[in-house]
Amino acid sequence: MLKREYKRREPTNEERIFLKSRGLIPDSWLILYENKSVLVVISRRRSYRKVLKKPRKKLMKKEKELC
């Protein structure tokens, strides 16, 4: 099998807020891969890889409308 090569990049402002909400320090993590439902990040220091599930935007909009 061939390995996919992803280009690591700095997190955007929205991604920084998301990383902070998950308890991670945004300056210590790089974005490896992004999907509709998943954000894969990699640590700069120890090369740890984490898969973070994104919240569904439709559900969040419905909750705001109900309030």
C-alpha atoms as a PDB file:
ATOM      1  CA  MET A   1       0.000   0.000   0.000  1.00  0.00           C
ATOM      2  CA  LEU A   2       1.097   3.520  -0.713  1.00  0.00           C
ATOM      3  CA  LYS A   3       1.247   5.995   2.122  1.00  0.00           C
ATOM      4  CA  ARG A   4      -0.460   9.316   1.610  1.00  0.00           C
ATOM      5  CA  GLU A   5       1.775  12.298   2.036  1.00  0.00           C
ATOM      6  CA  TYR A   6       0.046  15.197   3.707  1.00  0.00           C
ATOM      7  CA  LYS A   7       1.372  18.705   3.878  1.00  0.00           C
ATOM      8  CA  ARG A   8       1.501  20.017   7.440  1.00  0.00           C
ATOM      9  CA  ARG A   9       0.214  23.538   7.941  1.00  0.00           C
ATOM     10  CA  GLU A  10      -0.455  26.092  10.661  1.00  0.00           C
ATOM     11  CA  PRO A  11      -3.981  26.169  12.129  1.00  0.00           C
ATOM     12  CA  THR A  12      -6.318  28.984  11.047  1.00  0.00           C
ATOM     13  CA  ASN A  13      -8.093  31.181  13.603  1.00  0.00           C
ATOM     14  CA  GLU A  14     -11.210  28.968  13.599  1.00  0.00           C
ATOM     15  CA  GLU A  15      -9.066  25.862  14.026  1.00  0.00           C
ATOM     16  CA  ARG A  16      -7.143  27.540  16.863  1.00  0.00           C
ATOM     17  CA  ILE A  17     -10.414  28.165  18.709  1.00  0.00           C
ATOM     18  CA  PHE A  18     -11.438  24.543  18.100  1.00  0.00           C
ATOM     19  CA  LEU A  19      -8.096  23.232  19.424  1.00  0.00           C
ATOM     20  CA  LYS A  20      -8.423  25.410  22.542  1.00  0.00           C
ATOM     21  CA  SER A  21     -11.914  24.051  23.162  1.00  0.00           C
ATOM     22  CA  ARG A  22     -10.462  20.511  23.056  1.00  0.00           C
ATOM     23  CA  GLY A  23      -7.795  21.393  25.633  1.00  0.00           C
ATOM     24  CA  LEU A  24      -4.823  21.606  23.256  1.00  0.00           C
ATOM     25  CA  ILE A  25      -2.334  24.453  22.886  1.00  0.00           C
ATOM     26  CA  PRO A  26      -2.656  25.648  19.252  1.00  0.00           C
ATOM     27  CA  ASP A  27       0.995  26.719  18.983  1.00  0.00           C
ATOM     28  CA  SER A  28       2.132  23.145  19.725  1.00  0.00           C
ATOM     29  CA  TRP A  29       0.044  21.452  17.021  1.00  0.00           C
ATOM     30  CA  LEU A  30       0.002  21.407  13.204  1.00  0.00           C
ATOM     31  CA  ILE A  31      -2.912  20.463  10.970  1.00  0.00           C
ATOM     32  CA  LEU A  32      -2.203  17.286   9.021  1.00  0.00           C
ATOM     33  CA  TYR A  33      -5.550  16.508   7.396  1.00  0.00           C
ATOM     34  CA  GLU A  34      -9.028  18.022   7.419  1.00  0.00           C
ATOM     35  CA  ASN A  35     -12.321  16.447   6.451  1.00  0.00           C
ATOM     36  CA  LYS A  36     -15.998  17.387   6.895  1.00  0.00           C
ATOM     37  CA  SER A  37     -16.244  15.515  10.171  1.00  0.00           C
ATOM     38  CA  VAL A  38     -12.613  14.997  11.259  1.00  0.00           C
ATOM     39  CA  LEU A  39      -9.548  17.121  11.950  1.00  0.00           C
ATOM     40  CA  VAL A  40      -6.214  15.286  12.243  1.00  0.00           C
ATOM     41  CA  VAL A  41      -3.479  17.143  14.110  1.00  0.00           C
ATOM     42  CA  ILE A  42       0.146  16.289  14.849  1.00  0.00           C
ATOM     43  CA  SER A  43       2.290  17.522  17.728  1.00  0.00           C
ATOM     44  CA  ARG A  44       5.355  19.578  16.889  1.00  0.00           C
ATOM     45  CA  ARG A  45       7.357  18.328  19.845  1.00  0.00           C
ATOM     46  CA  ARG A  46       6.665  14.610  20.193  1.00  0.00           C
ATOM     47  CA  SER A  47       4.997  13.754  16.854  1.00  0.00           C
ATOM     48  CA  TYR A  48       1.805  12.559  18.545  1.00  0.00           C
ATOM     49  CA  ARG A  49      -1.133  12.281  16.200  1.00  0.00           C
ATOM     50  CA  LYS A  50      -4.719  12.961  17.298  1.00  0.00           C
ATOM     51  CA  VAL A  51      -7.987  12.605  15.429  1.00  0.00           C
ATOM     52  CA  LEU A  52     -10.557  15.166  16.600  1.00  0.00           C
ATOM     53  CA  LYS A  53     -14.205  14.937  15.617  1.00  0.00           C
ATOM     54  CA  LYS A  54     -15.773  18.214  14.543  1.00  0.00           C
ATOM     55  CA  PRO A  55     -19.172  19.238  15.884  1.00  0.00           C
ATOM     56  CA  ARG A  56     -22.036  19.106  13.426  1.00  0.00           C
ATOM     57  CA  LYS A  57     -22.988  22.601  12.320  1.00  0.00           C
ATOM     58  CA  LYS A  58     -26.619  21.716  11.604  1.00  0.00           C
ATOM     59  CA  LEU A  59     -27.198  20.527  15.163  1.00  0.00           C
ATOM     60  CA  MET A  60     -25.577  23.628  16.606  1.00  0.00           C
ATOM     61  CA  LYS A  61     -27.790  25.896  14.469  1.00  0.00           C
ATOM     62  CA  LYS A  62     -30.931  24.063  15.634  1.00  0.00           C
ATOM     63  CA  GLU A  63     -29.920  24.439  19.276  1.00  0.00           C
ATOM     64  CA  LYS A  64     -29.453  28.195  18.799  1.00  0.00           C
ATOM     65  CA  GLU A  65     -32.897  28.493  17.181  1.00  0.00           C
ATOM     66  CA  LEU A  66     -34.527  26.640  20.083  1.00  0.00           C
ATOM     67  CA  CYS A  67     -33.037  28.996  22.681  1.00  0.00           C
END
